[in-house]
Every structure is written in structure tokens, then in C-alpha cells.
């Protein structure tokens, strides 16, 4: 690792510890030339996943967009932010484990509904009503009937 003070390429690791809740490793290094210490972080390289939207445009996967949608559907429900973040973590994990470099927004919406259904049925119906674009009361009632029949 190149020293930020003198530019020397050789340094030694003095201390290592987990950082960012185990998502990275913090390393204290000492330059073998000038003896100054500096900190580096080692992180897992994330794979950029492209989302194909309904209008066929593409954008990078953004977990924050999923969280915002879940936050809206869970508004005024007794669901903690931690529970919602766990849902987003599960969705992101499913997407990464699929080994796909591209995923449709439809597939993401289905994953959100799958996890919301298990978390809170009211939040699920709220999300589904926007996601599935219910045009009338009948389509909304059909979704409710399907939930009731699964119980």
C-alpha cells in the first residue's frame, strides 16, 4: 500500500479490526520508509446490477429506492426501521445470489411483495395497490380475497 506521506510502496500492517458492522476491515499501517502511520479500509467489491424499468430504460440498482417504497407502505404501522432494513437486506441478498447482472423492476417489486406479505399484510396491500396499479375497487378486492384464502 502506497504511503500517503512519502509515496513509498512498502508498508506493514500494525493492527487490523472489523469496521462498519463487519462489512470492512480497518488496517493501521506503518510506512517502512518514513515510519508514519496511516489507516486503510478493505471492503468487498460490490457488483453493479442494472435494473430494467418498465419503460425499458436502465439504471443502477439502488437499495435506498426500495427502502423508501417500503417506508411509505409501512407508514403508521408498528414496524421498526430495523425490520424494514432487514427486508431490504433480504431482497438485495436474493438479487445478488441470483448471479444476474440485470434484473427487471417487476422482479424487484415481486420480491418486495413477497417479503412484505410475511412482515405485515396491511403494508403488503398498500405496496401492492401502488405497484400493481389497481384501477378499481374490484381488482383491490381480488387481492384481498387472495390474501384471505391463503390464510
N, C-alpha and C. Protein backbone atom coordinates (compact mmCIF):
# COMPACT_ATOMS: atom_id res chain seq x y z
N UNK A 1 0.86 -1.18 0.00
CA UNK A 1 0.00 0.00 0.00
C UNK A 1 0.90 1.23 0.00
N UNK A 2 0.61 2.16 -0.86
CA UNK A 2 1.41 3.36 -1.02
C UNK A 2 1.21 4.31 0.16
N UNK A 3 2.31 4.79 0.75
CA UNK A 3 2.27 5.72 1.87
C UNK A 3 1.73 7.06 1.39
N UNK A 4 0.76 7.61 2.13
CA UNK A 4 0.18 8.90 1.74
C UNK A 4 1.09 10.08 2.05
N UNK A 5 2.15 9.84 2.83
CA UNK A 5 3.06 10.93 3.22
C UNK A 5 4.28 11.03 2.29
N UNK A 6 4.93 9.87 2.05
CA UNK A 6 6.18 9.93 1.27
C UNK A 6 6.08 9.19 -0.07
N UNK A 7 5.00 8.44 -0.28
CA UNK A 7 4.82 7.74 -1.55
C UNK A 7 5.49 6.38 -1.63
N UNK A 8 6.15 5.96 -0.57
CA UNK A 8 6.81 4.65 -0.53
C UNK A 8 5.76 3.54 -0.70
N UNK A 9 6.12 2.52 -1.46
CA UNK A 9 5.18 1.43 -1.74
C UNK A 9 5.16 0.34 -0.67
N UNK A 10 6.13 0.31 0.21
CA UNK A 10 6.16 -0.77 1.21
C UNK A 10 5.72 -0.24 2.58
N UNK A 11 4.77 -0.97 3.15
CA UNK A 11 4.29 -0.66 4.49
C UNK A 11 3.94 -1.97 5.17
N UNK A 12 3.85 -1.92 6.47
CA UNK A 12 3.47 -3.13 7.20
C UNK A 12 2.20 -2.87 8.00
N UNK A 13 1.40 -3.92 8.16
CA UNK A 13 0.17 -3.81 8.93
C UNK A 13 0.51 -3.91 10.40
N UNK A 14 0.08 -2.90 11.16
CA UNK A 14 0.34 -2.84 12.60
C UNK A 14 -0.86 -3.39 13.38
N UNK A 15 -2.06 -3.12 12.88
CA UNK A 15 -3.27 -3.53 13.59
C UNK A 15 -4.40 -3.71 12.57
N UNK A 16 -5.25 -4.71 12.77
CA UNK A 16 -6.43 -4.94 11.93
C UNK A 16 -7.63 -5.18 12.82
N UNK A 17 -8.76 -4.63 12.42
CA UNK A 17 -10.01 -4.90 13.15
C UNK A 17 -11.19 -4.70 12.22
N UNK A 18 -12.31 -5.34 12.59
CA UNK A 18 -13.53 -5.21 11.79
C UNK A 18 -14.08 -3.80 11.96
N UNK A 19 -14.67 -3.29 10.90
CA UNK A 19 -15.31 -1.97 10.92
C UNK A 19 -16.62 -2.05 10.17
N UNK A 20 -17.43 -1.02 10.29
CA UNK A 20 -18.71 -0.92 9.59
C UNK A 20 -19.55 -2.18 9.76
N UNK A 21 -19.70 -2.60 11.01
CA UNK A 21 -20.51 -3.78 11.36
C UNK A 21 -20.05 -5.04 10.62
N UNK A 22 -18.77 -5.18 10.44
CA UNK A 22 -18.23 -6.38 9.80
C UNK A 22 -18.18 -6.32 8.29
N UNK A 23 -18.55 -5.18 7.70
CA UNK A 23 -18.56 -5.06 6.25
C UNK A 23 -17.22 -4.61 5.68
N UNK A 24 -16.28 -4.28 6.55
CA UNK A 24 -14.95 -3.89 6.08
C UNK A 24 -13.93 -4.19 7.18
N UNK A 25 -12.67 -4.12 6.80
CA UNK A 25 -11.58 -4.31 7.75
C UNK A 25 -10.77 -3.03 7.78
N UNK A 26 -10.56 -2.51 8.97
CA UNK A 26 -9.76 -1.31 9.17
C UNK A 26 -8.34 -1.76 9.49
N UNK A 27 -7.38 -1.24 8.76
CA UNK A 27 -5.97 -1.62 8.98
C UNK A 27 -5.14 -0.38 9.29
N UNK A 28 -4.37 -0.46 10.35
CA UNK A 28 -3.39 0.58 10.65
C UNK A 28 -2.07 0.09 10.05
N UNK A 29 -1.47 0.94 9.27
CA UNK A 29 -0.22 0.59 8.59
C UNK A 29 0.88 1.55 9.00
N UNK A 30 2.10 1.06 8.87
CA UNK A 30 3.27 1.89 9.13
C UNK A 30 4.17 1.83 7.91
N UNK A 31 4.51 3.02 7.41
CA UNK A 31 5.40 3.10 6.26
C UNK A 31 6.79 2.63 6.67
N UNK A 32 7.38 1.78 5.86
CA UNK A 32 8.71 1.27 6.19
C UNK A 32 9.80 2.29 5.88
N UNK A 33 9.47 3.36 5.17
CA UNK A 33 10.44 4.40 4.84
C UNK A 33 10.42 5.54 5.87
N UNK A 34 9.25 6.22 6.00
CA UNK A 34 9.18 7.40 6.87
C UNK A 34 8.65 7.09 8.26
N UNK A 35 8.19 5.88 8.49
CA UNK A 35 7.69 5.38 9.78
C UNK A 35 6.38 6.03 10.24
N UNK A 36 5.73 6.80 9.37
CA UNK A 36 4.44 7.39 9.74
C UNK A 36 3.36 6.33 9.57
N UNK A 37 2.29 6.50 10.35
CA UNK A 37 1.18 5.56 10.31
C UNK A 37 -0.01 6.15 9.58
N UNK A 38 -0.76 5.27 8.92
CA UNK A 38 -1.98 5.68 8.23
C UNK A 38 -2.97 4.52 8.25
N UNK A 39 -4.22 4.85 7.97
CA UNK A 39 -5.29 3.87 8.04
C UNK A 39 -5.81 3.55 6.64
N UNK A 40 -6.08 2.27 6.39
CA UNK A 40 -6.71 1.85 5.15
C UNK A 40 -7.92 0.98 5.50
N UNK A 41 -8.84 0.87 4.55
CA UNK A 41 -10.02 0.03 4.72
C UNK A 41 -10.09 -0.95 3.56
N UNK A 42 -10.44 -2.18 3.90
CA UNK A 42 -10.63 -3.22 2.88
C UNK A 42 -12.11 -3.57 2.88
N UNK A 43 -12.74 -3.49 1.69
CA UNK A 43 -14.16 -3.77 1.55
C UNK A 43 -14.39 -4.76 0.42
N UNK A 44 -15.51 -5.45 0.48
CA UNK A 44 -15.90 -6.35 -0.59
C UNK A 44 -16.31 -5.49 -1.78
N UNK A 45 -15.84 -5.86 -2.95
CA UNK A 45 -16.21 -5.14 -4.15
C UNK A 45 -17.64 -5.51 -4.52
N UNK A 46 -18.48 -4.51 -4.66
CA UNK A 46 -19.87 -4.74 -5.00
C UNK A 46 -20.04 -4.87 -6.51
N UNK A 47 -20.92 -5.78 -6.90
CA UNK A 47 -21.24 -5.96 -8.30
C UNK A 47 -22.33 -4.94 -8.65
N UNK A 48 -22.10 -4.19 -9.72
CA UNK A 48 -23.12 -3.24 -10.16
C UNK A 48 -24.21 -3.99 -10.92
N UNK A 49 -25.41 -3.91 -10.40
CA UNK A 49 -26.54 -4.58 -11.03
C UNK A 49 -27.41 -3.52 -11.69
N UNK A 50 -27.80 -3.80 -12.92
CA UNK A 50 -28.65 -2.88 -13.66
C UNK A 50 -30.11 -3.29 -13.50
N UNK A 51 -30.97 -2.30 -13.30
CA UNK A 51 -32.41 -2.53 -13.21
C UNK A 51 -33.03 -2.07 -14.52
N UNK A 52 -33.80 -2.98 -15.12
CA UNK A 52 -34.52 -2.65 -16.35
C UNK A 52 -35.93 -2.24 -15.93
N UNK A 53 -36.24 -0.98 -16.16
CA UNK A 53 -37.52 -0.43 -15.74
C UNK A 53 -38.62 -0.77 -16.75
N UNK A 54 -39.85 -0.49 -16.39
CA UNK A 54 -40.99 -0.82 -17.26
C UNK A 54 -40.90 -0.13 -18.61
N UNK A 55 -40.30 1.07 -18.66
CA UNK A 55 -40.18 1.80 -19.93
C UNK A 55 -38.92 1.40 -20.69
N UNK A 56 -38.27 0.32 -20.26
CA UNK A 56 -37.08 -0.27 -20.88
C UNK A 56 -35.79 0.52 -20.65
N UNK A 57 -35.85 1.61 -19.86
CA UNK A 57 -34.62 2.31 -19.51
C UNK A 57 -33.90 1.50 -18.44
N UNK A 58 -32.61 1.77 -18.28
CA UNK A 58 -31.80 1.06 -17.30
C UNK A 58 -31.20 2.05 -16.31
N UNK A 59 -31.10 1.60 -15.08
CA UNK A 59 -30.42 2.39 -14.06
C UNK A 59 -29.77 1.43 -13.07
N UNK A 60 -28.79 1.94 -12.33
CA UNK A 60 -28.12 1.10 -11.34
C UNK A 60 -29.06 0.76 -10.19
N UNK A 61 -28.93 -0.45 -9.68
CA UNK A 61 -29.71 -0.89 -8.52
C UNK A 61 -29.42 0.05 -7.36
N UNK A 62 -30.49 0.48 -6.68
CA UNK A 62 -30.36 1.40 -5.56
C UNK A 62 -31.24 0.91 -4.42
N UNK A 63 -30.62 0.35 -3.41
CA UNK A 63 -31.38 -0.19 -2.29
C UNK A 63 -32.18 0.87 -1.56
N UNK A 64 -31.73 2.12 -1.63
CA UNK A 64 -32.45 3.21 -0.95
C UNK A 64 -33.83 3.43 -1.57
N UNK A 65 -33.96 3.21 -2.87
CA UNK A 65 -35.27 3.35 -3.52
C UNK A 65 -36.24 2.30 -2.99
N UNK A 66 -35.74 1.10 -2.79
CA UNK A 66 -36.58 0.03 -2.25
C UNK A 66 -36.99 0.38 -0.82
N UNK A 67 -36.04 0.86 -0.03
CA UNK A 67 -36.34 1.23 1.35
C UNK A 67 -37.38 2.34 1.41
N UNK A 68 -37.28 3.33 0.53
CA UNK A 68 -38.27 4.42 0.52
C UNK A 68 -39.67 3.90 0.23
N UNK A 69 -39.78 2.97 -0.73
CA UNK A 69 -41.09 2.38 -1.03
C UNK A 69 -41.64 1.59 0.14
N UNK A 70 -40.78 0.87 0.82
CA UNK A 70 -41.20 0.09 1.98
C UNK A 70 -41.59 1.03 3.12
N UNK A 71 -40.82 2.09 3.32
CA UNK A 71 -41.15 3.07 4.36
C UNK A 71 -42.55 3.65 4.13
N UNK A 72 -42.86 3.98 2.89
CA UNK A 72 -44.18 4.54 2.57
C UNK A 72 -45.29 3.53 2.87
N UNK A 73 -45.07 2.29 2.48
CA UNK A 73 -46.13 1.29 2.68
C UNK A 73 -46.28 0.89 4.15
N UNK A 74 -45.24 1.08 4.94
CA UNK A 74 -45.29 0.72 6.36
C UNK A 74 -45.60 1.91 7.27
N UNK A 75 -45.89 3.05 6.65
CA UNK A 75 -46.15 4.26 7.43
C UNK A 75 -47.30 4.03 8.41
N UNK A 76 -47.09 4.48 9.65
CA UNK A 76 -48.07 4.38 10.75
C UNK A 76 -48.39 2.94 11.13
N UNK A 77 -47.49 2.03 10.81
CA UNK A 77 -47.63 0.64 11.23
C UNK A 77 -46.58 0.38 12.30
N UNK A 78 -46.77 -0.63 13.11
CA UNK A 78 -45.82 -0.92 14.17
C UNK A 78 -44.70 -1.81 13.65
N UNK A 79 -43.94 -1.25 12.73
CA UNK A 79 -42.82 -1.96 12.11
C UNK A 79 -41.59 -1.09 12.28
N UNK A 80 -40.55 -1.67 12.85
CA UNK A 80 -39.34 -0.88 13.12
C UNK A 80 -38.53 -0.67 11.85
N UNK A 81 -37.72 0.35 11.88
CA UNK A 81 -36.82 0.62 10.76
C UNK A 81 -35.88 -0.57 10.57
N UNK A 82 -35.48 -1.18 11.65
CA UNK A 82 -34.62 -2.36 11.59
C UNK A 82 -35.30 -3.50 10.81
N UNK A 83 -36.58 -3.71 11.06
CA UNK A 83 -37.31 -4.76 10.33
C UNK A 83 -37.38 -4.43 8.84
N UNK A 84 -37.61 -3.17 8.54
CA UNK A 84 -37.68 -2.76 7.13
C UNK A 84 -36.33 -2.91 6.45
N UNK A 85 -35.26 -2.55 7.15
CA UNK A 85 -33.92 -2.71 6.59
C UNK A 85 -33.58 -4.18 6.39
N UNK A 86 -34.06 -5.03 7.28
CA UNK A 86 -33.85 -6.48 7.12
C UNK A 86 -34.53 -6.99 5.85
N UNK A 87 -35.71 -6.44 5.55
CA UNK A 87 -36.41 -6.81 4.31
C UNK A 87 -35.57 -6.41 3.11
N UNK A 88 -35.05 -5.18 3.13
CA UNK A 88 -34.21 -4.70 2.02
C UNK A 88 -32.95 -5.55 1.91
N UNK A 89 -32.35 -5.90 3.05
CA UNK A 89 -31.16 -6.76 3.04
C UNK A 89 -31.48 -8.10 2.39
N UNK A 90 -32.63 -8.67 2.73
CA UNK A 90 -33.03 -9.97 2.16
C UNK A 90 -33.25 -9.86 0.65
N UNK A 91 -33.89 -8.78 0.22
CA UNK A 91 -34.12 -8.57 -1.21
C UNK A 91 -32.79 -8.43 -1.94
N UNK A 92 -31.90 -7.61 -1.38
CA UNK A 92 -30.59 -7.41 -2.02
C UNK A 92 -29.81 -8.72 -2.07
N UNK A 93 -29.89 -9.50 -1.01
CA UNK A 93 -29.21 -10.80 -0.97
C UNK A 93 -29.76 -11.73 -2.04
N UNK A 94 -31.09 -11.77 -2.18
CA UNK A 94 -31.71 -12.60 -3.22
C UNK A 94 -31.24 -12.19 -4.61
N UNK A 95 -31.17 -10.89 -4.84
CA UNK A 95 -30.74 -10.40 -6.16
C UNK A 95 -29.29 -10.77 -6.42
N UNK A 96 -28.42 -10.56 -5.42
CA UNK A 96 -27.00 -10.89 -5.60
C UNK A 96 -26.80 -12.39 -5.78
N UNK A 97 -27.57 -13.20 -5.03
CA UNK A 97 -27.44 -14.66 -5.14
C UNK A 97 -27.97 -15.19 -6.46
N UNK A 98 -28.80 -14.42 -7.14
CA UNK A 98 -29.32 -14.87 -8.43
C UNK A 98 -28.23 -14.84 -9.51
N UNK A 99 -27.14 -14.14 -9.23
CA UNK A 99 -26.00 -14.03 -10.13
C UNK A 99 -26.34 -13.32 -11.44
N UNK A 100 -27.46 -12.62 -11.47
CA UNK A 100 -27.85 -11.85 -12.65
C UNK A 100 -27.17 -10.49 -12.59
N UNK A 101 -26.76 -10.00 -13.73
CA UNK A 101 -26.20 -8.64 -13.80
C UNK A 101 -27.29 -7.62 -14.09
N UNK A 102 -28.44 -8.11 -14.58
CA UNK A 102 -29.59 -7.26 -14.85
C UNK A 102 -30.84 -7.91 -14.25
N UNK A 103 -31.72 -7.06 -13.73
CA UNK A 103 -32.98 -7.55 -13.16
C UNK A 103 -34.05 -6.53 -13.51
N UNK A 104 -35.27 -7.00 -13.71
CA UNK A 104 -36.34 -6.07 -14.05
C UNK A 104 -36.93 -5.47 -12.77
N UNK A 105 -37.49 -4.29 -12.92
CA UNK A 105 -38.16 -3.65 -11.77
C UNK A 105 -39.36 -4.49 -11.35
N UNK A 106 -39.92 -5.24 -12.27
CA UNK A 106 -41.05 -6.13 -11.96
C UNK A 106 -40.60 -7.23 -10.99
N UNK A 107 -39.43 -7.81 -11.27
CA UNK A 107 -38.90 -8.86 -10.38
C UNK A 107 -38.61 -8.30 -8.99
N UNK A 108 -38.09 -7.08 -8.94
CA UNK A 108 -37.82 -6.44 -7.65
C UNK A 108 -39.12 -6.20 -6.90
N UNK A 109 -40.14 -5.70 -7.60
CA UNK A 109 -41.44 -5.47 -6.98
C UNK A 109 -42.04 -6.75 -6.41
N UNK A 110 -41.88 -7.85 -7.13
CA UNK A 110 -42.39 -9.14 -6.64
C UNK A 110 -41.65 -9.58 -5.38
N UNK A 111 -40.34 -9.34 -5.34
CA UNK A 111 -39.57 -9.67 -4.13
C UNK A 111 -40.03 -8.83 -2.94
N UNK A 112 -40.25 -7.54 -3.19
CA UNK A 112 -40.72 -6.65 -2.11
C UNK A 112 -42.04 -7.17 -1.57
N UNK A 113 -42.96 -7.52 -2.47
CA UNK A 113 -44.26 -8.01 -2.02
C UNK A 113 -44.15 -9.32 -1.26
N UNK A 114 -43.27 -10.20 -1.71
CA UNK A 114 -43.06 -11.48 -1.02
C UNK A 114 -42.65 -11.25 0.43
N UNK A 115 -41.70 -10.36 0.63
CA UNK A 115 -41.21 -10.13 1.99
C UNK A 115 -42.19 -9.30 2.83
N UNK A 116 -42.87 -8.33 2.21
CA UNK A 116 -43.85 -7.53 2.95
C UNK A 116 -45.04 -8.38 3.39
N UNK A 117 -45.42 -9.32 2.57
CA UNK A 117 -46.55 -10.20 2.91
C UNK A 117 -46.27 -10.95 4.20
N UNK A 118 -45.01 -11.37 4.38
CA UNK A 118 -44.63 -12.08 5.59
C UNK A 118 -44.45 -11.14 6.78
N UNK A 119 -44.14 -9.87 6.50
CA UNK A 119 -43.89 -8.90 7.57
C UNK A 119 -45.19 -8.29 8.10
N UNK A 120 -46.03 -7.79 7.17
CA UNK A 120 -47.24 -7.09 7.59
C UNK A 120 -48.20 -7.03 6.40
N UNK A 121 -49.37 -7.64 6.55
CA UNK A 121 -50.31 -7.74 5.44
C UNK A 121 -50.84 -6.38 4.99
N UNK A 122 -51.04 -5.46 5.92
CA UNK A 122 -51.54 -4.13 5.55
C UNK A 122 -50.50 -3.40 4.70
N UNK A 123 -49.25 -3.48 5.10
CA UNK A 123 -48.18 -2.85 4.33
C UNK A 123 -48.06 -3.50 2.96
N UNK A 124 -48.26 -4.80 2.94
CA UNK A 124 -48.24 -5.53 1.66
C UNK A 124 -49.32 -5.00 0.72
N UNK A 125 -50.54 -4.86 1.23
CA UNK A 125 -51.65 -4.39 0.40
C UNK A 125 -51.39 -2.95 -0.06
N UNK A 126 -50.86 -2.12 0.82
CA UNK A 126 -50.52 -0.75 0.43
C UNK A 126 -49.51 -0.75 -0.73
N UNK A 127 -48.45 -1.54 -0.57
CA UNK A 127 -47.43 -1.59 -1.62
C UNK A 127 -48.02 -2.15 -2.91
N UNK A 128 -48.77 -3.24 -2.80
CA UNK A 128 -49.36 -3.89 -3.97
C UNK A 128 -50.31 -2.95 -4.71
N UNK A 129 -51.05 -2.13 -3.97
CA UNK A 129 -52.02 -1.24 -4.63
C UNK A 129 -51.32 -0.22 -5.52
N UNK A 130 -50.13 0.20 -5.13
CA UNK A 130 -49.36 1.14 -5.95
C UNK A 130 -48.61 0.36 -7.04
N UNK A 131 -47.95 -0.72 -6.64
CA UNK A 131 -47.13 -1.49 -7.56
C UNK A 131 -47.96 -2.11 -8.69
N UNK A 132 -49.08 -2.70 -8.33
CA UNK A 132 -49.92 -3.37 -9.33
C UNK A 132 -50.90 -2.42 -10.00
N UNK A 133 -50.87 -1.18 -9.57
CA UNK A 133 -51.69 -0.13 -10.18
C UNK A 133 -53.16 -0.53 -10.27
N UNK A 134 -53.75 -0.84 -9.11
CA UNK A 134 -55.16 -1.21 -9.10
C UNK A 134 -55.98 -0.07 -9.71
N UNK A 135 -56.80 -0.41 -10.68
CA UNK A 135 -57.59 0.59 -11.40
C UNK A 135 -58.96 0.81 -10.76
N UNK A 136 -59.42 -0.21 -10.02
CA UNK A 136 -60.75 -0.09 -9.44
C UNK A 136 -60.83 -0.91 -8.16
N UNK A 137 -61.97 -0.80 -7.51
CA UNK A 137 -62.18 -1.49 -6.25
C UNK A 137 -62.19 -3.01 -6.42
N UNK A 138 -62.66 -3.48 -7.56
CA UNK A 138 -62.73 -4.92 -7.81
C UNK A 138 -61.34 -5.57 -7.82
N UNK A 139 -60.39 -4.95 -8.49
CA UNK A 139 -59.04 -5.52 -8.51
C UNK A 139 -58.41 -5.48 -7.12
N UNK A 140 -58.73 -4.44 -6.36
CA UNK A 140 -58.24 -4.34 -4.99
C UNK A 140 -58.86 -5.46 -4.13
N UNK A 141 -60.16 -5.67 -4.29
CA UNK A 141 -60.86 -6.71 -3.52
C UNK A 141 -60.35 -8.11 -3.90
N UNK A 142 -60.04 -8.32 -5.18
CA UNK A 142 -59.50 -9.61 -5.59
C UNK A 142 -58.18 -9.91 -4.88
N UNK A 143 -57.34 -8.91 -4.72
CA UNK A 143 -56.07 -9.09 -3.99
C UNK A 143 -56.33 -9.42 -2.54
N UNK A 144 -57.28 -8.72 -1.93
CA UNK A 144 -57.63 -9.01 -0.52
C UNK A 144 -58.18 -10.43 -0.37
N UNK A 145 -59.02 -10.86 -1.30
CA UNK A 145 -59.58 -12.22 -1.26
C UNK A 145 -58.48 -13.26 -1.36
N UNK A 146 -57.50 -12.98 -2.21
CA UNK A 146 -56.38 -13.92 -2.37
C UNK A 146 -55.60 -14.04 -1.05
N UNK A 147 -55.38 -12.93 -0.37
CA UNK A 147 -54.68 -12.97 0.92
C UNK A 147 -55.50 -13.76 1.93
N UNK A 148 -56.78 -13.51 1.96
CA UNK A 148 -57.65 -14.21 2.91
C UNK A 148 -57.69 -15.72 2.65
N UNK A 149 -57.69 -16.11 1.39
CA UNK A 149 -57.73 -17.54 1.06
C UNK A 149 -56.42 -18.25 1.40
N UNK A 150 -55.33 -17.49 1.41
CA UNK A 150 -54.03 -18.10 1.77
C UNK A 150 -53.89 -18.33 3.26
N UNK A 151 -54.72 -17.66 4.04
CA UNK A 151 -54.69 -17.86 5.50
C UNK A 151 -55.34 -19.15 5.80
